Amino acid sequence: MTGVAGAVLVAVVLAAAVLVAGGGTAPRPGAGPPPPRWGRVRSRLTRRRGSRRREPPVDVPLVLDLVAAAVAAGLPPGRALEAAVEALAGTGAEETALRRVAVQLSWGSSPEEAWRDLTGESERWDELAEALLLSTRTGAPAASLLASAAASARAARRWEAEAAAARLSALLVLPLGLCTLPAFLLLGVVPVVLTLAGEVLGAGS
């Protein structure tokens, strides 16, 4: 009887393990395959991961330098801008908008009309638009205007980076102080208190 009971117990344990490994319940006849839950979860995770991946912003000073070099080589503004965007080899929203501006300029649209949409959405390209507009209106050399705009954009970006670093250092003062406070208390204050307490208790006794 003991051997039979042991065999039955082993069979029950094996059957439970098979059920757990197979999903807990056997499929019902005619019920069809179970829904691909893991597939849905994986697709959601993929979509979230894809939404977090954003195109890096275009380097404005680099574009200004490229357009300046193309204009200095003799290309018209529209073709110079198109060549600069092609050199970036990007497919983001800003590259697409710049290509649209370049096409409009090449087709003979007025600079104001060509730049209206892009400069209305973002201020990042104001210096590029203003340099080309000023060159078109006054006949000033566009290459020098664009080079000056590139230097100004780099200086502004450097200032923003320094300001961000200064803000970060100010924000880290309190957390670092809280981290070092326990060590200061244990190494500096507690020994002094214990020493004074020992002297007071020793003098009192």
N, C-alpha and C. Protein backbone atom coordinates (compact mmCIF):
# COMPACT_ATOMS: atom_id res chain seq x y z
N MET A 1 0.82 -1.20 0.00
CA MET A 1 0.00 0.00 0.00
C MET A 1 0.86 1.26 0.00
N THR A 2 1.97 1.17 0.75
CA THR A 2 2.83 2.35 0.80
C THR A 2 3.42 2.65 -0.57
N GLY A 3 3.84 1.59 -1.30
CA GLY A 3 4.39 1.81 -2.63
C GLY A 3 3.35 2.34 -3.59
N VAL A 4 2.11 1.83 -3.50
CA VAL A 4 1.04 2.31 -4.37
C VAL A 4 0.72 3.77 -4.07
N ALA A 5 0.65 4.14 -2.81
CA ALA A 5 0.37 5.53 -2.44
C ALA A 5 1.47 6.46 -2.92
N GLY A 6 2.72 6.00 -2.80
CA GLY A 6 3.82 6.83 -3.29
C GLY A 6 3.75 7.04 -4.79
N ALA A 7 3.41 5.97 -5.52
CA ALA A 7 3.30 6.09 -6.97
C ALA A 7 2.18 7.04 -7.36
N VAL A 8 1.04 6.95 -6.64
CA VAL A 8 -0.08 7.85 -6.92
C VAL A 8 0.31 9.29 -6.64
N LEU A 9 1.03 9.51 -5.55
CA LEU A 9 1.45 10.87 -5.19
C LEU A 9 2.38 11.44 -6.26
N VAL A 10 3.31 10.61 -6.72
CA VAL A 10 4.23 11.07 -7.77
C VAL A 10 3.48 11.41 -9.04
N ALA A 11 2.48 10.58 -9.40
CA ALA A 11 1.69 10.84 -10.61
C ALA A 11 0.92 12.14 -10.49
N VAL A 12 0.35 12.42 -9.31
CA VAL A 12 -0.39 13.66 -9.10
C VAL A 12 0.53 14.87 -9.24
N VAL A 13 1.73 14.78 -8.66
CA VAL A 13 2.68 15.88 -8.73
C VAL A 13 3.10 16.14 -10.17
N LEU A 14 3.35 15.06 -10.92
CA LEU A 14 3.73 15.23 -12.33
C LEU A 14 2.60 15.84 -13.14
N ALA A 15 1.36 15.42 -12.88
CA ALA A 15 0.23 15.99 -13.61
C ALA A 15 0.07 17.48 -13.31
N ALA A 16 0.26 17.86 -12.04
CA ALA A 16 0.16 19.28 -11.69
C ALA A 16 1.25 20.10 -12.36
N ALA A 17 2.46 19.51 -12.44
CA ALA A 17 3.55 20.22 -13.10
C ALA A 17 3.27 20.42 -14.58
N VAL A 18 2.69 19.40 -15.22
CA VAL A 18 2.35 19.52 -16.64
C VAL A 18 1.30 20.59 -16.85
N LEU A 19 0.30 20.65 -15.98
CA LEU A 19 -0.75 21.67 -16.11
C LEU A 19 -0.18 23.07 -15.93
N VAL A 20 0.71 23.23 -14.95
CA VAL A 20 1.30 24.55 -14.72
C VAL A 20 2.16 24.97 -15.90
N ALA A 21 2.94 24.04 -16.42
CA ALA A 21 3.79 24.38 -17.57
C ALA A 21 2.98 24.66 -18.82
N GLY A 22 1.84 24.05 -18.94
CA GLY A 22 1.02 24.25 -20.12
C GLY A 22 0.05 25.38 -20.02
N GLY A 23 0.09 26.18 -18.95
CA GLY A 23 -0.78 27.35 -18.86
C GLY A 23 -1.84 27.20 -17.80
N GLY A 24 -1.87 26.09 -17.10
CA GLY A 24 -2.80 25.95 -16.00
C GLY A 24 -4.04 25.17 -16.37
N THR A 25 -4.60 25.31 -17.54
CA THR A 25 -5.79 24.61 -17.97
C THR A 25 -5.59 24.16 -19.39
N ALA A 26 -6.17 23.05 -19.74
CA ALA A 26 -6.10 22.54 -21.09
C ALA A 26 -7.06 23.31 -21.97
N PRO A 27 -6.76 23.46 -23.26
CA PRO A 27 -7.65 24.20 -24.15
C PRO A 27 -8.95 23.46 -24.36
N ARG A 28 -10.02 24.19 -24.36
CA ARG A 28 -11.32 23.59 -24.58
C ARG A 28 -11.53 23.28 -26.05
N PRO A 29 -12.21 22.24 -26.37
CA PRO A 29 -12.45 21.91 -27.78
C PRO A 29 -13.23 23.03 -28.46
N GLY A 30 -12.74 23.46 -29.62
CA GLY A 30 -13.43 24.49 -30.39
C GLY A 30 -13.20 25.89 -29.89
N ALA A 31 -12.38 26.06 -28.84
CA ALA A 31 -12.16 27.40 -28.29
C ALA A 31 -11.16 28.20 -29.10
N GLY A 32 -10.34 27.50 -29.92
CA GLY A 32 -9.35 28.21 -30.72
C GLY A 32 -8.09 28.47 -29.92
N PRO A 33 -7.07 28.96 -30.56
CA PRO A 33 -5.81 29.22 -29.86
C PRO A 33 -5.95 30.35 -28.86
N PRO A 34 -5.19 30.33 -27.80
CA PRO A 34 -5.26 31.41 -26.80
C PRO A 34 -4.78 32.71 -27.41
N PRO A 35 -5.25 33.83 -26.89
CA PRO A 35 -4.84 35.13 -27.44
C PRO A 35 -3.36 35.36 -27.21
N PRO A 36 -2.68 35.94 -28.17
CA PRO A 36 -1.24 36.18 -28.04
C PRO A 36 -0.96 37.34 -27.08
N ARG A 37 -1.08 37.04 -25.79
CA ARG A 37 -0.91 38.11 -24.81
C ARG A 37 0.52 38.66 -24.84
N TRP A 38 1.49 37.76 -24.91
CA TRP A 38 2.87 38.22 -24.91
C TRP A 38 3.15 39.05 -26.15
N GLY A 39 2.53 38.69 -27.27
CA GLY A 39 2.73 39.48 -28.48
C GLY A 39 2.20 40.89 -28.32
N ARG A 40 1.03 41.01 -27.67
CA ARG A 40 0.47 42.34 -27.46
C ARG A 40 1.35 43.15 -26.51
N VAL A 41 1.81 42.51 -25.45
CA VAL A 41 2.67 43.21 -24.50
C VAL A 41 3.96 43.66 -25.18
N ARG A 42 4.52 42.78 -25.99
CA ARG A 42 5.77 43.13 -26.66
C ARG A 42 5.57 44.27 -27.66
N SER A 43 4.42 44.24 -28.36
CA SER A 43 4.16 45.33 -29.30
C SER A 43 3.98 46.65 -28.58
N ARG A 44 3.32 46.62 -27.40
CA ARG A 44 3.18 47.86 -26.63
C ARG A 44 4.52 48.38 -26.17
N LEU A 45 5.37 47.47 -25.69
CA LEU A 45 6.70 47.90 -25.25
C LEU A 45 7.50 48.47 -26.41
N THR A 46 7.36 47.85 -27.58
CA THR A 46 8.07 48.34 -28.76
C THR A 46 7.60 49.73 -29.14
N ARG A 47 6.26 49.94 -29.08
CA ARG A 47 5.73 51.26 -29.42
C ARG A 47 6.21 52.31 -28.43
N ARG A 48 6.21 51.96 -27.13
CA ARG A 48 6.68 52.92 -26.14
C ARG A 48 8.16 53.24 -26.34
N ARG A 49 8.94 52.19 -26.62
CA ARG A 49 10.36 52.42 -26.84
C ARG A 49 10.59 53.26 -28.07
N GLY A 50 9.78 53.02 -29.11
CA GLY A 50 9.92 53.80 -30.33
C GLY A 50 9.50 55.24 -30.13
N SER A 51 8.47 55.46 -29.28
CA SER A 51 8.05 56.85 -29.04
C SER A 51 9.09 57.62 -28.26
N ARG A 52 9.89 56.92 -27.44
CA ARG A 52 10.93 57.61 -26.68
C ARG A 52 12.13 57.97 -27.54
N ARG A 53 12.29 57.26 -28.66
CA ARG A 53 13.40 57.56 -29.55
C ARG A 53 13.05 58.76 -30.40
N ARG A 54 13.68 59.82 -30.14
CA ARG A 54 13.43 61.04 -30.88
C ARG A 54 14.65 61.39 -31.72
N GLU A 55 14.36 61.99 -32.84
CA GLU A 55 15.45 62.40 -33.70
C GLU A 55 16.29 63.47 -33.00
N PRO A 56 17.60 63.33 -33.04
CA PRO A 56 18.44 64.37 -32.42
C PRO A 56 18.27 65.68 -33.16
N PRO A 57 18.32 66.80 -32.46
CA PRO A 57 18.16 68.09 -33.14
C PRO A 57 19.31 68.36 -34.10
N VAL A 58 18.99 69.07 -35.14
CA VAL A 58 19.99 69.41 -36.14
C VAL A 58 20.94 70.46 -35.56
N ASP A 59 22.22 70.31 -35.87
CA ASP A 59 23.23 71.25 -35.40
C ASP A 59 23.12 72.53 -36.23
N VAL A 60 22.54 73.56 -35.62
CA VAL A 60 22.30 74.81 -36.35
C VAL A 60 23.60 75.46 -36.80
N PRO A 61 24.62 75.62 -35.94
CA PRO A 61 25.87 76.23 -36.42
C PRO A 61 26.50 75.46 -37.58
N LEU A 62 26.39 74.13 -37.56
CA LEU A 62 26.94 73.34 -38.66
C LEU A 62 26.22 73.64 -39.96
N VAL A 63 24.89 73.74 -39.90
CA VAL A 63 24.13 74.08 -41.10
C VAL A 63 24.51 75.46 -41.61
N LEU A 64 24.68 76.40 -40.71
CA LEU A 64 25.09 77.75 -41.11
C LEU A 64 26.45 77.73 -41.80
N ASP A 65 27.39 76.96 -41.27
CA ASP A 65 28.70 76.86 -41.90
C ASP A 65 28.62 76.21 -43.27
N LEU A 66 27.79 75.16 -43.39
CA LEU A 66 27.67 74.47 -44.67
C LEU A 66 27.04 75.38 -45.72
N VAL A 67 25.99 76.10 -45.32
CA VAL A 67 25.35 77.02 -46.27
C VAL A 67 26.32 78.14 -46.66
N ALA A 68 27.08 78.64 -45.68
CA ALA A 68 28.06 79.69 -45.98
C ALA A 68 29.10 79.19 -46.97
N ALA A 69 29.58 77.96 -46.78
CA ALA A 69 30.58 77.42 -47.71
C ALA A 69 29.99 77.23 -49.11
N ALA A 70 28.74 76.76 -49.17
CA ALA A 70 28.11 76.57 -50.48
C ALA A 70 27.86 77.89 -51.18
N VAL A 71 27.44 78.91 -50.42
CA VAL A 71 27.22 80.23 -51.02
C VAL A 71 28.55 80.83 -51.48
N ALA A 72 29.59 80.66 -50.68
CA ALA A 72 30.90 81.17 -51.08
C ALA A 72 31.42 80.47 -52.34
N ALA A 73 30.97 79.22 -52.55
CA ALA A 73 31.38 78.49 -53.75
C ALA A 73 30.60 78.92 -54.99
N GLY A 74 29.58 79.76 -54.81
CA GLY A 74 28.85 80.28 -55.95
C GLY A 74 27.45 79.76 -56.12
N LEU A 75 26.96 78.94 -55.20
CA LEU A 75 25.60 78.41 -55.32
C LEU A 75 24.59 79.46 -54.87
N PRO A 76 23.41 79.48 -55.47
CA PRO A 76 22.35 80.38 -54.98
C PRO A 76 21.84 79.90 -53.62
N PRO A 77 21.13 80.75 -52.88
CA PRO A 77 20.72 80.37 -51.52
C PRO A 77 19.92 79.08 -51.46
N GLY A 78 18.96 78.90 -52.37
CA GLY A 78 18.15 77.69 -52.33
C GLY A 78 18.97 76.44 -52.55
N ARG A 79 19.83 76.47 -53.56
CA ARG A 79 20.68 75.31 -53.84
C ARG A 79 21.71 75.11 -52.74
N ALA A 80 22.21 76.18 -52.15
CA ALA A 80 23.16 76.06 -51.05
C ALA A 80 22.52 75.40 -49.84
N LEU A 81 21.29 75.79 -49.52
CA LEU A 81 20.59 75.17 -48.40
C LEU A 81 20.31 73.71 -48.70
N GLU A 82 19.93 73.41 -49.92
CA GLU A 82 19.66 72.01 -50.28
C GLU A 82 20.93 71.16 -50.16
N ALA A 83 22.06 71.70 -50.60
CA ALA A 83 23.32 70.96 -50.48
C ALA A 83 23.70 70.74 -49.02
N ALA A 84 23.44 71.73 -48.17
CA ALA A 84 23.76 71.58 -46.75
C ALA A 84 22.90 70.50 -46.11
N VAL A 85 21.62 70.46 -46.45
CA VAL A 85 20.74 69.44 -45.87
C VAL A 85 21.12 68.06 -46.39
N GLU A 86 21.49 67.97 -47.67
CA GLU A 86 21.93 66.69 -48.21
C GLU A 86 23.20 66.20 -47.51
N ALA A 87 24.07 67.12 -47.14
CA ALA A 87 25.29 66.73 -46.42
C ALA A 87 24.98 66.18 -45.04
N LEU A 88 23.89 66.64 -44.42
CA LEU A 88 23.50 66.12 -43.11
C LEU A 88 23.01 64.70 -43.20
N ALA A 89 22.38 64.33 -44.32
CA ALA A 89 21.87 62.97 -44.55
C ALA A 89 20.90 62.55 -43.45
N GLY A 90 20.09 63.48 -42.98
CA GLY A 90 19.11 63.16 -41.96
C GLY A 90 17.71 63.07 -42.55
N THR A 91 16.81 62.43 -41.80
CA THR A 91 15.43 62.26 -42.25
C THR A 91 14.44 62.77 -41.21
N GLY A 92 14.90 63.62 -40.30
CA GLY A 92 14.01 64.13 -39.26
C GLY A 92 13.10 65.23 -39.77
N ALA A 93 12.29 65.74 -38.84
CA ALA A 93 11.31 66.77 -39.20
C ALA A 93 12.00 68.06 -39.62
N GLU A 94 13.08 68.42 -38.94
CA GLU A 94 13.77 69.66 -39.28
C GLU A 94 14.44 69.57 -40.65
N GLU A 95 15.06 68.41 -40.93
CA GLU A 95 15.67 68.25 -42.25
C GLU A 95 14.62 68.35 -43.35
N THR A 96 13.45 67.73 -43.11
CA THR A 96 12.38 67.79 -44.10
C THR A 96 11.91 69.22 -44.31
N ALA A 97 11.77 69.97 -43.21
CA ALA A 97 11.33 71.37 -43.33
C ALA A 97 12.37 72.20 -44.07
N LEU A 98 13.65 71.96 -43.81
CA LEU A 98 14.70 72.70 -44.51
C LEU A 98 14.71 72.36 -46.00
N ARG A 99 14.48 71.10 -46.32
CA ARG A 99 14.40 70.73 -47.75
C ARG A 99 13.24 71.45 -48.42
N ARG A 100 12.13 71.56 -47.69
CA ARG A 100 10.97 72.25 -48.27
C ARG A 100 11.30 73.72 -48.54
N VAL A 101 11.99 74.35 -47.61
CA VAL A 101 12.40 75.74 -47.82
C VAL A 101 13.34 75.85 -49.01
N ALA A 102 14.28 74.92 -49.12
CA ALA A 102 15.23 74.96 -50.23
C ALA A 102 14.52 74.80 -51.57
N VAL A 103 13.54 73.91 -51.62
CA VAL A 103 12.79 73.71 -52.87
C VAL A 103 12.01 74.97 -53.23
N GLN A 104 11.38 75.58 -52.24
CA GLN A 104 10.61 76.80 -52.52
C GLN A 104 11.52 77.93 -53.01
N LEU A 105 12.71 78.05 -52.40
CA LEU A 105 13.64 79.08 -52.87
C LEU A 105 14.13 78.79 -54.28
N SER A 106 14.37 77.51 -54.57
CA SER A 106 14.84 77.16 -55.91
C SER A 106 13.76 77.39 -56.96
N TRP A 107 12.51 77.26 -56.57
CA TRP A 107 11.40 77.47 -57.51
C TRP A 107 11.05 78.94 -57.69
N GLY A 108 11.72 79.81 -56.97
CA GLY A 108 11.50 81.23 -57.15
C GLY A 108 10.57 81.87 -56.15
N SER A 109 10.22 81.17 -55.09
CA SER A 109 9.37 81.78 -54.06
C SER A 109 10.15 82.87 -53.34
N SER A 110 9.43 83.84 -52.83
CA SER A 110 10.09 84.91 -52.08
C SER A 110 10.68 84.34 -50.78
N PRO A 111 11.80 84.87 -50.32
CA PRO A 111 12.39 84.37 -49.07
C PRO A 111 11.43 84.46 -47.89
N GLU A 112 10.65 85.54 -47.82
CA GLU A 112 9.70 85.66 -46.71
C GLU A 112 8.70 84.51 -46.72
N GLU A 113 8.17 84.19 -47.89
CA GLU A 113 7.19 83.11 -47.98
C GLU A 113 7.83 81.75 -47.73
N ALA A 114 9.04 81.55 -48.21
CA ALA A 114 9.70 80.25 -48.05
C ALA A 114 10.03 79.96 -46.59
N TRP A 115 10.41 80.99 -45.84
CA TRP A 115 10.84 80.79 -44.45
C TRP A 115 9.70 80.95 -43.45
N ARG A 116 8.52 81.35 -43.89
CA ARG A 116 7.46 81.72 -42.95
C ARG A 116 7.09 80.54 -42.04
N ASP A 117 6.85 79.38 -42.62
CA ASP A 117 6.37 78.25 -41.83
C ASP A 117 7.44 77.76 -40.85
N LEU A 118 8.67 77.66 -41.31
CA LEU A 118 9.73 77.11 -40.45
C LEU A 118 10.05 78.05 -39.30
N THR A 119 10.21 79.33 -39.58
CA THR A 119 10.52 80.27 -38.50
C THR A 119 9.33 80.51 -37.59
N GLY A 120 8.12 80.26 -38.09
CA GLY A 120 6.96 80.39 -37.22
C GLY A 120 6.84 79.26 -36.22
N GLU A 121 7.37 78.06 -36.57
CA GLU A 121 7.31 76.92 -35.67
C GLU A 121 8.43 76.92 -34.64
N SER A 122 9.60 77.40 -35.01
CA SER A 122 10.75 77.35 -34.11
C SER A 122 11.64 78.56 -34.36
N GLU A 123 12.29 79.03 -33.29
CA GLU A 123 13.21 80.16 -33.40
C GLU A 123 14.64 79.71 -33.71
N ARG A 124 14.86 78.42 -33.85
CA ARG A 124 16.22 77.92 -34.05
C ARG A 124 16.81 78.37 -35.38
N TRP A 125 15.95 78.62 -36.35
CA TRP A 125 16.44 78.93 -37.70
C TRP A 125 16.25 80.40 -38.05
N ASP A 126 16.00 81.23 -37.05
CA ASP A 126 15.82 82.65 -37.33
C ASP A 126 17.09 83.28 -37.89
N GLU A 127 18.25 82.92 -37.33
CA GLU A 127 19.50 83.54 -37.79
C GLU A 127 19.81 83.15 -39.23
N LEU A 128 19.54 81.90 -39.60
CA LEU A 128 19.76 81.49 -40.98
C LEU A 128 18.83 82.23 -41.93
N ALA A 129 17.56 82.31 -41.55
CA ALA A 129 16.60 83.01 -42.40
C ALA A 129 16.94 84.50 -42.50
N GLU A 130 17.28 85.11 -41.37
CA GLU A 130 17.58 86.55 -41.38
C GLU A 130 18.83 86.86 -42.21
N ALA A 131 19.84 85.98 -42.14
CA ALA A 131 21.05 86.22 -42.92
C ALA A 131 20.77 86.15 -44.41
N LEU A 132 20.00 85.14 -44.83
CA LEU A 132 19.69 85.02 -46.26
C LEU A 132 18.76 86.14 -46.72
N LEU A 133 17.80 86.51 -45.87
CA LEU A 133 16.91 87.61 -46.23
C LEU A 133 17.68 88.93 -46.35
N LEU A 134 18.58 89.18 -45.41
CA LEU A 134 19.36 90.42 -45.46
C LEU A 134 20.25 90.45 -46.69
N SER A 135 20.83 89.31 -47.03
CA SER A 135 21.66 89.25 -48.23
C SER A 135 20.85 89.50 -49.49
N THR A 136 19.62 88.96 -49.53
CA THR A 136 18.78 89.15 -50.71
C THR A 136 18.33 90.60 -50.84
N ARG A 137 18.01 91.22 -49.71
CA ARG A 137 17.47 92.59 -49.78
C ARG A 137 18.55 93.63 -50.02
N THR A 138 19.69 93.47 -49.38
CA THR A 138 20.72 94.52 -49.42
C THR A 138 21.91 94.18 -50.31
N GLY A 139 22.02 92.94 -50.72
CA GLY A 139 23.17 92.55 -51.52
C GLY A 139 24.42 92.31 -50.71
N ALA A 140 24.30 92.25 -49.39
CA ALA A 140 25.46 91.97 -48.55
C ALA A 140 25.93 90.54 -48.79
N PRO A 141 27.23 90.29 -48.63
CA PRO A 141 27.74 88.92 -48.86
C PRO A 141 27.13 87.94 -47.87
N ALA A 142 26.43 86.95 -48.40
CA ALA A 142 25.73 86.00 -47.54
C ALA A 142 26.71 85.13 -46.76
N ALA A 143 27.87 84.83 -47.34
CA ALA A 143 28.81 83.94 -46.67
C ALA A 143 29.29 84.53 -45.35
N SER A 144 29.64 85.81 -45.36
CA SER A 144 30.11 86.45 -44.12
C SER A 144 28.98 86.57 -43.10
N LEU A 145 27.78 86.86 -43.57
CA LEU A 145 26.64 86.94 -42.65
C LEU A 145 26.36 85.58 -42.01
N LEU A 146 26.44 84.53 -42.80
CA LEU A 146 26.18 83.19 -42.27
C LEU A 146 27.29 82.76 -41.32
N ALA A 147 28.54 83.08 -41.63
CA ALA A 147 29.64 82.75 -40.72
C ALA A 147 29.49 83.47 -39.39
N SER A 148 29.09 84.73 -39.44
CA SER A 148 28.85 85.47 -38.20
C SER A 148 27.69 84.88 -37.41
N ALA A 149 26.64 84.46 -38.13
CA ALA A 149 25.51 83.84 -37.45
C ALA A 149 25.91 82.51 -36.81
N ALA A 150 26.78 81.75 -37.48
CA ALA A 150 27.24 80.48 -36.91
C ALA A 150 28.04 80.72 -35.63
N ALA A 151 28.91 81.72 -35.64
CA ALA A 151 29.68 82.04 -34.43
C ALA A 151 28.76 82.48 -33.30
N SER A 152 27.74 83.27 -33.64
CA SER A 152 26.79 83.71 -32.62
C SER A 152 26.00 82.53 -32.06
N ALA A 153 25.62 81.60 -32.92
CA ALA A 153 24.86 80.43 -32.46
C ALA A 153 25.71 79.55 -31.55
N ARG A 154 26.98 79.39 -31.89
CA ARG A 154 27.86 78.59 -31.03
C ARG A 154 28.06 79.27 -29.67
N ALA A 155 28.21 80.57 -29.67
CA ALA A 155 28.37 81.28 -28.41
C ALA A 155 27.12 81.15 -27.54
N ALA A 156 25.95 81.24 -28.17
CA ALA A 156 24.70 81.09 -27.42
C ALA A 156 24.57 79.69 -26.85
N ARG A 157 24.95 78.68 -27.64
CA ARG A 157 24.87 77.30 -27.14
C ARG A 157 25.85 77.06 -26.01
N ARG A 158 27.04 77.65 -26.11
CA ARG A 158 28.02 77.52 -25.03
C ARG A 158 27.51 78.18 -23.76
N TRP A 159 26.87 79.33 -23.91
CA TRP A 159 26.33 80.02 -22.74
C TRP A 159 25.21 79.20 -22.10
N GLU A 160 24.37 78.59 -22.92
CA GLU A 160 23.30 77.75 -22.38
C GLU A 160 23.86 76.54 -21.64
N ALA A 161 24.93 75.94 -22.17
CA ALA A 161 25.54 74.80 -21.49
C ALA A 161 26.14 75.21 -20.15
N GLU A 162 26.80 76.36 -20.12
CA GLU A 162 27.37 76.84 -18.86
C GLU A 162 26.28 77.17 -17.85
N ALA A 163 25.18 77.76 -18.32
CA ALA A 163 24.08 78.07 -17.41
C ALA A 163 23.45 76.79 -16.86
N ALA A 164 23.31 75.77 -17.72
CA ALA A 164 22.75 74.50 -17.25
C ALA A 164 23.68 73.84 -16.23
N ALA A 165 24.99 73.92 -16.46
CA ALA A 165 25.94 73.36 -15.49
C ALA A 165 25.87 74.11 -14.16
N ALA A 166 25.70 75.42 -14.21
CA ALA A 166 25.59 76.19 -12.97
C ALA A 166 24.32 75.83 -12.21
N ARG A 167 23.22 75.65 -12.95
CA ARG A 167 21.98 75.25 -12.27
C ARG A 167 22.12 73.87 -11.65
N LEU A 168 22.80 72.96 -12.36
CA LEU A 168 22.97 71.61 -11.83
C LEU A 168 23.81 71.63 -10.56
N SER A 169 24.88 72.41 -10.54
CA SER A 169 25.70 72.48 -9.33
C SER A 169 24.92 73.05 -8.15
N ALA A 170 24.05 74.01 -8.42
CA ALA A 170 23.23 74.56 -7.34
C ALA A 170 22.22 73.54 -6.83
N LEU A 171 21.67 72.73 -7.74
CA LEU A 171 20.70 71.72 -7.33
C LEU A 171 21.34 70.57 -6.57
N LEU A 172 22.64 70.34 -6.78
CA LEU A 172 23.31 69.22 -6.12
C LEU A 172 23.81 69.57 -4.72
N VAL A 173 23.74 70.83 -4.33
CA VAL A 173 24.26 71.22 -3.02
C VAL A 173 23.50 70.52 -1.90
N LEU A 174 22.17 70.57 -1.93
CA LEU A 174 21.38 69.97 -0.86
C LEU A 174 21.52 68.45 -0.81
N PRO A 175 21.40 67.71 -1.92
CA PRO A 175 21.60 66.26 -1.82
C PRO A 175 22.98 65.86 -1.32
N LEU A 176 24.02 66.54 -1.79
CA LEU A 176 25.36 66.21 -1.32
C LEU A 176 25.52 66.55 0.16
N GLY A 177 24.91 67.65 0.59
CA GLY A 177 24.96 67.99 2.01
C GLY A 177 24.27 66.95 2.87
N LEU A 178 23.12 66.46 2.40
CA LEU A 178 22.41 65.42 3.15
C LEU A 178 23.19 64.12 3.18
N CYS A 179 23.94 63.84 2.10
CA CYS A 179 24.73 62.61 2.08
C CYS A 179 25.93 62.68 3.03
N THR A 180 26.54 63.83 3.13
CA THR A 180 27.73 63.96 3.99
C THR A 180 27.40 64.28 5.44
N LEU A 181 26.16 64.69 5.72
CA LEU A 181 25.80 65.05 7.09
C LEU A 181 25.92 63.88 8.06
N PRO A 182 25.43 62.67 7.74
CA PRO A 182 25.59 61.56 8.70
C PRO A 182 27.06 61.26 9.00
N ALA A 183 27.91 61.28 7.98
CA ALA A 183 29.33 61.02 8.23
C ALA A 183 29.94 62.10 9.12
N PHE A 184 29.54 63.34 8.91
CA PHE A 184 30.05 64.43 9.75
C PHE A 184 29.61 64.24 11.20
N LEU A 185 28.35 63.84 11.38
CA LEU A 185 27.87 63.64 12.75
C LEU A 185 28.59 62.48 13.43
N LEU A 186 28.78 61.38 12.68
CA LEU A 186 29.40 60.20 13.29
C LEU A 186 30.89 60.41 13.56
N LEU A 187 31.56 61.09 12.67
CA LEU A 187 33.01 61.24 12.82
C LEU A 187 33.43 62.49 13.58
N GLY A 188 32.58 63.51 13.59
CA GLY A 188 32.97 64.76 14.23
C GLY A 188 32.23 65.08 15.50
N VAL A 189 30.92 64.87 15.51
CA VAL A 189 30.12 65.29 16.66
C VAL A 189 30.02 64.19 17.71
N VAL A 190 29.73 62.97 17.27
CA VAL A 190 29.52 61.88 18.23
C VAL A 190 30.75 61.63 19.10
N PRO A 191 31.98 61.55 18.56
CA PRO A 191 33.14 61.36 19.45
C PRO A 191 33.30 62.47 20.48
N VAL A 192 33.05 63.70 20.08
CA VAL A 192 33.16 64.81 21.04
C VAL A 192 32.13 64.67 22.14
N VAL A 193 30.89 64.34 21.77
CA VAL A 193 29.84 64.18 22.77
C VAL A 193 30.16 63.04 23.73
N LEU A 194 30.63 61.92 23.17
CA LEU A 194 30.98 60.79 24.04
C LEU A 194 32.13 61.13 24.97
N THR A 195 33.12 61.86 24.46
CA THR A 195 34.25 62.25 25.31
C THR A 195 33.80 63.17 26.44
N LEU A 196 32.98 64.16 26.10
CA LEU A 196 32.49 65.07 27.14
C LEU A 196 31.61 64.34 28.14
N ALA A 197 30.78 63.44 27.64
CA ALA A 197 29.91 62.69 28.56
C ALA A 197 30.73 61.83 29.50
N GLY A 198 31.81 61.20 28.96
CA GLY A 198 32.66 60.39 29.83
C GLY A 198 33.35 61.22 30.89
N GLU A 199 33.82 62.41 30.49
CA GLU A 199 34.48 63.27 31.48
C GLU A 199 33.51 63.74 32.55
N VAL A 200 32.28 64.11 32.11
CA VAL A 200 31.30 64.58 33.09
C VAL A 200 30.91 63.47 34.04
N LEU A 201 30.65 62.29 33.51
CA LEU A 201 30.27 61.17 34.37
C LEU A 201 31.42 60.75 35.28
N GLY A 202 32.65 60.82 34.74
CA GLY A 202 33.80 60.46 35.57
C GLY A 202 34.01 61.47 36.69
N ALA A 203 33.80 62.76 36.39
CA ALA A 203 33.96 63.77 37.42
C ALA A 203 32.87 63.66 38.47
N GLY A 204 31.67 63.29 38.05
CA GLY A 204 30.57 63.19 38.99
C GLY A 204 30.72 62.00 39.93
N SER A 205 31.36 60.95 39.45
CA SER A 205 31.54 59.79 40.31
C SER A 205 32.73 59.98 41.26
